[in-house]
Amino acid sequence: MPKTQLNVRVDEATAEAARQRALQRGMSVNRYIEELVQRDAGEVGHTFVEAAADFMKQYESVFAEEFGPEREGNR
C-alpha cells in the first residue's frame, strides 16, 4: 500500500514520549504512530459492533413482532 506523508505538530514532551515508546518496541516513530492510529480505528469499529449488538438484543422483541418468526433466517 502506498504511503502518504502526514505532518503533525506536538509539544516536545509528546514527541519524546513517542520516540521512547517506539525505541522500546524496536520500531520507528512513524510505524509506532501508524500502529496507534490503526488500533484506535479498530477499537471504534469494535465499539460500533458492540453497540449494534446491544441495540438488537434490546429491541429483539420489537423486531420479532414486526417481522415474525417465519422470517427468521430468510435474508
PDB file of N, CA and C in Angstrom:
ATOM      1  N   MET A   1       0.844  -1.170   0.000  1.00  0.00           N
ATOM      2  CA  MET A   1       0.000   0.000   0.000  1.00  0.00           C
ATOM      3  C   MET A   1       0.892   1.237   0.000  1.00  0.00           C
ATOM      4  N   PRO A   2       0.606   2.186  -0.883  1.00  0.00           N
ATOM      5  CA  PRO A   2       1.432   3.406  -0.923  1.00  0.00           C
ATOM      6  C   PRO A   2       1.304   4.189   0.376  1.00  0.00           C
ATOM      7  N   LYS A   3       2.360   4.860   0.714  1.00  0.00           N
ATOM      8  CA  LYS A   3       2.378   5.656   1.950  1.00  0.00           C
ATOM      9  C   LYS A   3       2.141   7.129   1.611  1.00  0.00           C
ATOM     10  N   THR A   4       1.489   7.829   2.530  1.00  0.00           N
ATOM     11  CA  THR A   4       1.258   9.260   2.420  1.00  0.00           C
ATOM     12  C   THR A   4       1.950   9.936   3.576  1.00  0.00           C
ATOM     13  N   GLN A   5       2.604  11.030   3.295  1.00  0.00           N
ATOM     14  CA  GLN A   5       3.269  11.764   4.366  1.00  0.00           C
ATOM     15  C   GLN A   5       2.250  12.613   5.103  1.00  0.00           C
ATOM     16  N   LEU A   6       2.332  12.578   6.413  1.00  0.00           N
ATOM     17  CA  LEU A   6       1.449  13.352   7.275  1.00  0.00           C
ATOM     18  C   LEU A   6       2.316  14.075   8.287  1.00  0.00           C
ATOM     19  N   ASN A   7       2.214  15.369   8.338  1.00  0.00           N
ATOM     20  CA  ASN A   7       2.997  16.151   9.293  1.00  0.00           C
ATOM     21  C   ASN A   7       2.094  16.605  10.429  1.00  0.00           C
ATOM     22  N   VAL A   8       2.529  16.381  11.650  1.00  0.00           N
ATOM     23  CA  VAL A   8       1.772  16.818  12.820  1.00  0.00           C
ATOM     24  C   VAL A   8       2.706  17.588  13.745  1.00  0.00           C
ATOM     25  N   ARG A   9       2.125  18.472  14.499  1.00  0.00           N
ATOM     26  CA  ARG A   9       2.901  19.232  15.489  1.00  0.00           C
ATOM     27  C   ARG A   9       2.450  18.807  16.872  1.00  0.00           C
ATOM     28  N   VAL A  10       3.413  18.456  17.691  1.00  0.00           N
ATOM     29  CA  VAL A  10       3.145  18.092  19.079  1.00  0.00           C
ATOM     30  C   VAL A  10       4.180  18.791  19.954  1.00  0.00           C
ATOM     31  N   ASP A  11       3.882  18.883  21.234  1.00  0.00           N
ATOM     32  CA  ASP A  11       4.858  19.501  22.124  1.00  0.00           C
ATOM     33  C   ASP A  11       6.037  18.546  22.311  1.00  0.00           C
ATOM     34  N   GLU A  12       7.116  19.064  22.833  1.00  0.00           N
ATOM     35  CA  GLU A  12       8.353  18.285  22.953  1.00  0.00           C
ATOM     36  C   GLU A  12       8.177  17.056  23.847  1.00  0.00           C
ATOM     37  N   ALA A  13       7.395  17.174  24.903  1.00  0.00           N
ATOM     38  CA  ALA A  13       7.183  16.034  25.801  1.00  0.00           C
ATOM     39  C   ALA A  13       6.475  14.891  25.066  1.00  0.00           C
ATOM     40  N   THR A  14       5.497  15.224  24.253  1.00  0.00           N
ATOM     41  CA  THR A  14       4.786  14.196  23.483  1.00  0.00           C
ATOM     42  C   THR A  14       5.711  13.573  22.447  1.00  0.00           C
ATOM     43  N   ALA A  15       6.500  14.387  21.785  1.00  0.00           N
ATOM     44  CA  ALA A  15       7.450  13.884  20.792  1.00  0.00           C
ATOM     45  C   ALA A  15       8.457  12.936  21.445  1.00  0.00           C
ATOM     46  N   GLU A  16       8.956  13.323  22.605  1.00  0.00           N
ATOM     47  CA  GLU A  16       9.930  12.472  23.301  1.00  0.00           C
ATOM     48  C   GLU A  16       9.285  11.175  23.764  1.00  0.00           C
ATOM     49  N   ALA A  17       8.062  11.245  24.238  1.00  0.00           N
ATOM     50  CA  ALA A  17       7.353  10.033  24.646  1.00  0.00           C
ATOM     51  C   ALA A  17       7.178   9.096  23.455  1.00  0.00           C
ATOM     52  N   ALA A  18       6.830   9.638  22.303  1.00  0.00           N
ATOM     53  CA  ALA A  18       6.680   8.816  21.086  1.00  0.00           C
ATOM     54  C   ALA A  18       8.005   8.178  20.706  1.00  0.00           C
ATOM     55  N   ARG A  19       9.073   8.948  20.771  1.00  0.00           N
ATOM     56  CA  ARG A  19      10.402   8.403  20.447  1.00  0.00           C
ATOM     57  C   ARG A  19      10.778   7.261  21.391  1.00  0.00           C
ATOM     58  N   GLN A  20      10.560   7.472  22.679  1.00  0.00           N
ATOM     59  CA  GLN A  20      10.912   6.455  23.670  1.00  0.00           C
ATOM     60  C   GLN A  20      10.072   5.188  23.512  1.00  0.00           C
ATOM     61  N   ARG A  21       8.775   5.348  23.314  1.00  0.00           N
ATOM     62  CA  ARG A  21       7.897   4.177  23.134  1.00  0.00           C
ATOM     63  C   ARG A  21       8.281   3.400  21.896  1.00  0.00           C
ATOM     64  N   ALA A  22       8.560   4.121  20.817  1.00  0.00           N
ATOM     65  CA  ALA A  22       8.966   3.451  19.581  1.00  0.00           C
ATOM     66  C   ALA A  22      10.284   2.704  19.785  1.00  0.00           C
ATOM     67  N   LEU A  23      11.229   3.332  20.447  1.00  0.00           N
ATOM     68  CA  LEU A  23      12.517   2.707  20.730  1.00  0.00           C
ATOM     69  C   LEU A  23      12.337   1.451  21.571  1.00  0.00           C
ATOM     70  N   GLN A  24      11.498   1.525  22.602  1.00  0.00           N
ATOM     71  CA  GLN A  24      11.231   0.363  23.454  1.00  0.00           C
ATOM     72  C   GLN A  24      10.635  -0.800  22.665  1.00  0.00           C
ATOM     73  N   ARG A  25       9.869  -0.475  21.650  1.00  0.00           N
ATOM     74  CA  ARG A  25       9.225  -1.506  20.839  1.00  0.00           C
ATOM     75  C   ARG A  25      10.068  -1.915  19.632  1.00  0.00           C
ATOM     76  N   GLY A  26      11.215  -1.258  19.460  1.00  0.00           N
ATOM     77  CA  GLY A  26      12.107  -1.603  18.358  1.00  0.00           C
ATOM     78  C   GLY A  26      11.550  -1.226  16.995  1.00  0.00           C
ATOM     79  N   MET A  27      10.876  -0.086  16.932  1.00  0.00           N
ATOM     80  CA  MET A  27      10.296   0.345  15.657  1.00  0.00           C
ATOM     81  C   MET A  27      10.509   1.835  15.481  1.00  0.00           C
ATOM     82  N   SER A  28      10.260   2.301  14.279  1.00  0.00           N
ATOM     83  CA  SER A  28      10.379   3.731  14.009  1.00  0.00           C
ATOM     84  C   SER A  28       9.198   4.470  14.638  1.00  0.00           C
ATOM     85  N   VAL A  29       9.386   5.764  14.826  1.00  0.00           N
ATOM     86  CA  VAL A  29       8.298   6.593  15.334  1.00  0.00           C
ATOM     87  C   VAL A  29       7.139   6.560  14.334  1.00  0.00           C
ATOM     88  N   ASN A  30       7.449   6.590  13.047  1.00  0.00           N
ATOM     89  CA  ASN A  30       6.394   6.512  12.036  1.00  0.00           C
ATOM     90  C   ASN A  30       5.549   5.258  12.212  1.00  0.00           C
ATOM     91  N   ARG A  31       6.211   4.123  12.348  1.00  0.00           N
ATOM     92  CA  ARG A  31       5.479   2.863  12.494  1.00  0.00           C
ATOM     93  C   ARG A  31       4.682   2.839  13.793  1.00  0.00           C
ATOM     94  N   TYR A  32       5.276   3.357  14.858  1.00  0.00           N
ATOM     95  CA  TYR A  32       4.594   3.411  16.143  1.00  0.00           C
ATOM     96  C   TYR A  32       3.298   4.216  16.038  1.00  0.00           C
ATOM     97  N   ILE A  33       3.379   5.398  15.444  1.00  0.00           N
ATOM     98  CA  ILE A  33       2.192   6.251  15.284  1.00  0.00           C
ATOM     99  C   ILE A  33       1.170   5.561  14.382  1.00  0.00           C
ATOM    100  N   GLU A  34       1.631   4.944  13.304  1.00  0.00           N
ATOM    101  CA  GLU A  34       0.737   4.233  12.388  1.00  0.00           C
ATOM    102  C   GLU A  34      -0.032   3.134  13.124  1.00  0.00           C
ATOM    103  N   GLU A  35       0.665   2.365  13.950  1.00  0.00           N
ATOM    104  CA  GLU A  35       0.006   1.296  14.705  1.00  0.00           C
ATOM    105  C   GLU A  35      -0.995   1.849  15.720  1.00  0.00           C
ATOM    106  N   LEU A  36      -0.659   2.971  16.359  1.00  0.00           N
ATOM    107  CA  LEU A  36      -1.594   3.579  17.303  1.00  0.00           C
ATOM    108  C   LEU A  36      -2.893   3.978  16.605  1.00  0.00           C
ATOM    109  N   VAL A  37      -2.770   4.598  15.441  1.00  0.00           N
ATOM    110  CA  VAL A  37      -3.956   5.038  14.707  1.00  0.00           C
ATOM    111  C   VAL A  37      -4.769   3.832  14.240  1.00  0.00           C
ATOM    112  N   GLN A  38      -4.094   2.807  13.718  1.00  0.00           N
ATOM    113  CA  GLN A  38      -4.805   1.609  13.271  1.00  0.00           C
ATOM    114  C   GLN A  38      -5.534   0.940  14.431  1.00  0.00           C
ATOM    115  N   ARG A  39      -4.890   0.859  15.572  1.00  0.00           N
ATOM    116  CA  ARG A  39      -5.517   0.256  16.751  1.00  0.00           C
ATOM    117  C   ARG A  39      -6.731   1.077  17.180  1.00  0.00           C
ATOM    118  N   ASP A  40      -6.583   2.395  17.188  1.00  0.00           N
ATOM    119  CA  ASP A  40      -7.682   3.269  17.571  1.00  0.00           C
ATOM    120  C   ASP A  40      -8.853   3.120  16.601  1.00  0.00           C
ATOM    121  N   ALA A  41      -8.575   3.052  15.325  1.00  0.00           N
ATOM    122  CA  ALA A  41      -9.632   2.883  14.318  1.00  0.00           C
ATOM    123  C   ALA A  41     -10.330   1.541  14.506  1.00  0.00           C
ATOM    124  N   GLY A  42      -9.575   0.505  14.847  1.00  0.00           N
ATOM    125  CA  GLY A  42     -10.157  -0.807  15.094  1.00  0.00           C
ATOM    126  C   GLY A  42     -11.055  -0.810  16.316  1.00  0.00           C
ATOM    127  N   GLU A  43     -10.666  -0.078  17.343  1.00  0.00           N
ATOM    128  CA  GLU A  43     -11.477  -0.001  18.554  1.00  0.00           C
ATOM    129  C   GLU A  43     -12.799   0.682  18.275  1.00  0.00           C
ATOM    130  N   VAL A  44     -12.784   1.691  17.412  1.00  0.00           N
ATOM    131  CA  VAL A  44     -14.024   2.373  17.055  1.00  0.00           C
ATOM    132  C   VAL A  44     -14.952   1.392  16.364  1.00  0.00           C
ATOM    133  N   GLY A  45     -14.402   0.619  15.446  1.00  0.00           N
ATOM    134  CA  GLY A  45     -15.218  -0.383  14.753  1.00  0.00           C
ATOM    135  C   GLY A  45     -15.767  -1.415  15.721  1.00  0.00           C
ATOM    136  N   HIS A  46     -14.941  -1.851  16.636  1.00  0.00           N
ATOM    137  CA  HIS A  46     -15.368  -2.842  17.629  1.00  0.00           C
ATOM    138  C   HIS A  46     -16.461  -2.264  18.526  1.00  0.00           C
ATOM    139  N   THR A  47     -16.306  -1.027  18.921  1.00  0.00           N
ATOM    140  CA  THR A  47     -17.308  -0.368  19.754  1.00  0.00           C
ATOM    141  C   THR A  47     -18.638  -0.260  19.019  1.00  0.00           C
ATOM    142  N   PHE A  48     -18.582   0.055  17.718  1.00  0.00           N
ATOM    143  CA  PHE A  48     -19.803   0.142  16.927  1.00  0.00           C
ATOM    144  C   PHE A  48     -20.516  -1.209  16.880  1.00  0.00           C
ATOM    145  N   VAL A  49     -19.772  -2.275  16.636  1.00  0.00           N
ATOM    146  CA  VAL A  49     -20.367  -3.610  16.551  1.00  0.00           C
ATOM    147  C   VAL A  49     -20.999  -3.989  17.891  1.00  0.00           C
ATOM    148  N   GLU A  50     -20.315  -3.704  18.982  1.00  0.00           N
ATOM    149  CA  GLU A  50     -20.876  -3.998  20.309  1.00  0.00           C
ATOM    150  C   GLU A  50     -22.164  -3.214  20.544  1.00  0.00           C
ATOM    151  N   ALA A  51     -22.177  -1.939  20.168  1.00  0.00           N
ATOM    152  CA  ALA A  51     -23.377  -1.117  20.356  1.00  0.00           C
ATOM    153  C   ALA A  51     -24.522  -1.635  19.494  1.00  0.00           C
ATOM    154  N   ALA A  52     -24.230  -2.051  18.266  1.00  0.00           N
ATOM    155  CA  ALA A  52     -25.269  -2.598  17.387  1.00  0.00           C
ATOM    156  C   ALA A  52     -25.827  -3.897  17.968  1.00  0.00           C
ATOM    157  N   ALA A  53     -24.974  -4.735  18.500  1.00  0.00           N
ATOM    158  CA  ALA A  53     -25.427  -5.993  19.103  1.00  0.00           C
ATOM    159  C   ALA A  53     -26.305  -5.715  20.324  1.00  0.00           C
ATOM    160  N   ASP A  54     -25.911  -4.753  21.139  1.00  0.00           N
ATOM    161  CA  ASP A  54     -26.734  -4.380  22.297  1.00  0.00           C
ATOM    162  C   ASP A  54     -28.089  -3.855  21.857  1.00  0.00           C
ATOM    163  N   PHE A  55     -28.097  -3.039  20.813  1.00  0.00           N
ATOM    164  CA  PHE A  55     -29.347  -2.499  20.283  1.00  0.00           C
ATOM    165  C   PHE A  55     -30.264  -3.624  19.818  1.00  0.00           C
ATOM    166  N   MET A  56     -29.709  -4.556  19.049  1.00  0.00           N
ATOM    167  CA  MET A  56     -30.513  -5.669  18.534  1.00  0.00           C
ATOM    168  C   MET A  56     -31.074  -6.510  19.676  1.00  0.00           C
ATOM    169  N   LYS A  57     -30.265  -6.745  20.684  1.00  0.00           N
ATOM    170  CA  LYS A  57     -30.728  -7.530  21.825  1.00  0.00           C
ATOM    171  C   LYS A  57     -31.841  -6.798  22.574  1.00  0.00           C
ATOM    172  N   GLN A  58     -31.657  -5.502  22.762  1.00  0.00           N
ATOM    173  CA  GLN A  58     -32.622  -4.695  23.492  1.00  0.00           C
ATOM    174  C   GLN A  58     -33.967  -4.638  22.757  1.00  0.00           C
ATOM    175  N   TYR A  59     -33.953  -4.599  21.429  1.00  0.00           N
ATOM    176  CA  TYR A  59     -35.176  -4.455  20.649  1.00  0.00           C
ATOM    177  C   TYR A  59     -35.565  -5.739  19.913  1.00  0.00           C
ATOM    178  N   GLU A  60     -35.041  -6.851  20.374  1.00  0.00           N
ATOM    179  CA  GLU A  60     -35.316  -8.144  19.746  1.00  0.00           C
ATOM    180  C   GLU A  60     -36.821  -8.428  19.661  1.00  0.00           C
ATOM    181  N   SER A  61     -37.557  -8.156  20.721  1.00  0.00           N
ATOM    182  CA  SER A  61     -38.992  -8.433  20.730  1.00  0.00           C
ATOM    183  C   SER A  61     -39.736  -7.548  19.735  1.00  0.00           C
ATOM    184  N   VAL A  62     -39.292  -6.320  19.568  1.00  0.00           N
ATOM    185  CA  VAL A  62     -39.924  -5.415  18.604  1.00  0.00           C
ATOM    186  C   VAL A  62     -39.727  -5.945  17.189  1.00  0.00           C
ATOM    187  N   PHE A  63     -38.514  -6.384  16.879  1.00  0.00           N
ATOM    188  CA  PHE A  63     -38.244  -6.951  15.554  1.00  0.00           C
ATOM    189  C   PHE A  63     -39.043  -8.231  15.336  1.00  0.00           C
ATOM    190  N   ALA A  64     -39.131  -9.060  16.360  1.00  0.00           N
ATOM    191  CA  ALA A  64     -39.886 -10.311  16.246  1.00  0.00           C
ATOM    192  C   ALA A  64     -41.363 -10.011  15.991  1.00  0.00           C
ATOM    193  N   GLU A  65     -41.898  -9.015  16.685  1.00  0.00           N
ATOM    194  CA  GLU A  65     -43.292  -8.612  16.472  1.00  0.00           C
ATOM    195  C   GLU A  65     -43.517  -8.112  15.053  1.00  0.00           C
ATOM    196  N   GLU A  66     -42.618  -7.288  14.598  1.00  0.00           N
ATOM    197  CA  GLU A  66     -42.752  -6.663  13.280  1.00  0.00           C
ATOM    198  C   GLU A  66     -42.579  -7.661  12.140  1.00  0.00           C
ATOM    199  N   PHE A  67     -41.573  -8.518  12.257  1.00  0.00           N
ATOM    200  CA  PHE A  67     -41.243  -9.398  11.149  1.00  0.00           C
ATOM    201  C   PHE A  67     -41.650 -10.846  11.375  1.00  0.00           C
ATOM    202  N   GLY A  68     -41.953 -11.202  12.612  1.00  0.00           N
ATOM    203  CA  GLY A  68     -42.428 -12.541  12.937  1.00  0.00           C
ATOM    204  C   GLY A  68     -41.368 -13.619  12.808  1.00  0.00           C
ATOM    205  N   PRO A  69     -41.593 -14.736  13.493  1.00  0.00           N
ATOM    206  CA  PRO A  69     -40.620 -15.831  13.487  1.00  0.00           C
ATOM    207  C   PRO A  69     -40.505 -16.506  12.117  1.00  0.00           C
ATOM    208  N   GLU A  70     -41.535 -16.404  11.272  1.00  0.00           N
ATOM    209  CA  GLU A  70     -41.460 -17.045   9.964  1.00  0.00           C
ATOM    210  C   GLU A  70     -40.420 -16.404   9.060  1.00  0.00           C
ATOM    211  N   ARG A  71     -39.974 -15.188   9.376  1.00  0.00           N
ATOM    212  CA  ARG A  71     -38.959 -14.505   8.582  1.00  0.00           C
ATOM    213  C   ARG A  71     -37.552 -14.834   9.071  1.00  0.00           C
ATOM    214  N   GLU A  72     -37.476 -15.476  10.229  1.00  0.00           N
ATOM    215  CA  GLU A  72     -36.192 -15.793  10.832  1.00  0.00           C
ATOM    216  C   GLU A  72     -35.342 -16.635   9.897  1.00  0.00           C
ATOM    217  N   GLY A  73     -34.133 -16.192   9.645  1.00  0.00           N
ATOM    218  CA  GLY A  73     -33.208 -16.949   8.800  1.00  0.00           C
ATOM    219  C   GLY A  73     -33.406 -16.718   7.312  1.00  0.00           C
ATOM    220  N   ASN A  74     -34.418 -15.990   6.907  1.00  0.00           N
ATOM    221  CA  ASN A  74     -34.648 -15.694   5.484  1.00  0.00           C
ATOM    222  C   ASN A  74     -34.181 -14.291   5.182  1.00  0.00           C
ATOM    223  N   ARG A  75     -32.954 -14.202   4.735  1.00  0.00           N
ATOM    224  CA  ARG A  75     -32.390 -12.865   4.468  1.00  0.00           C
ATOM    225  C   ARG A  75     -32.153 -12.685   3.013  1.00  0.00           C
TER     226      ARG A  75
END
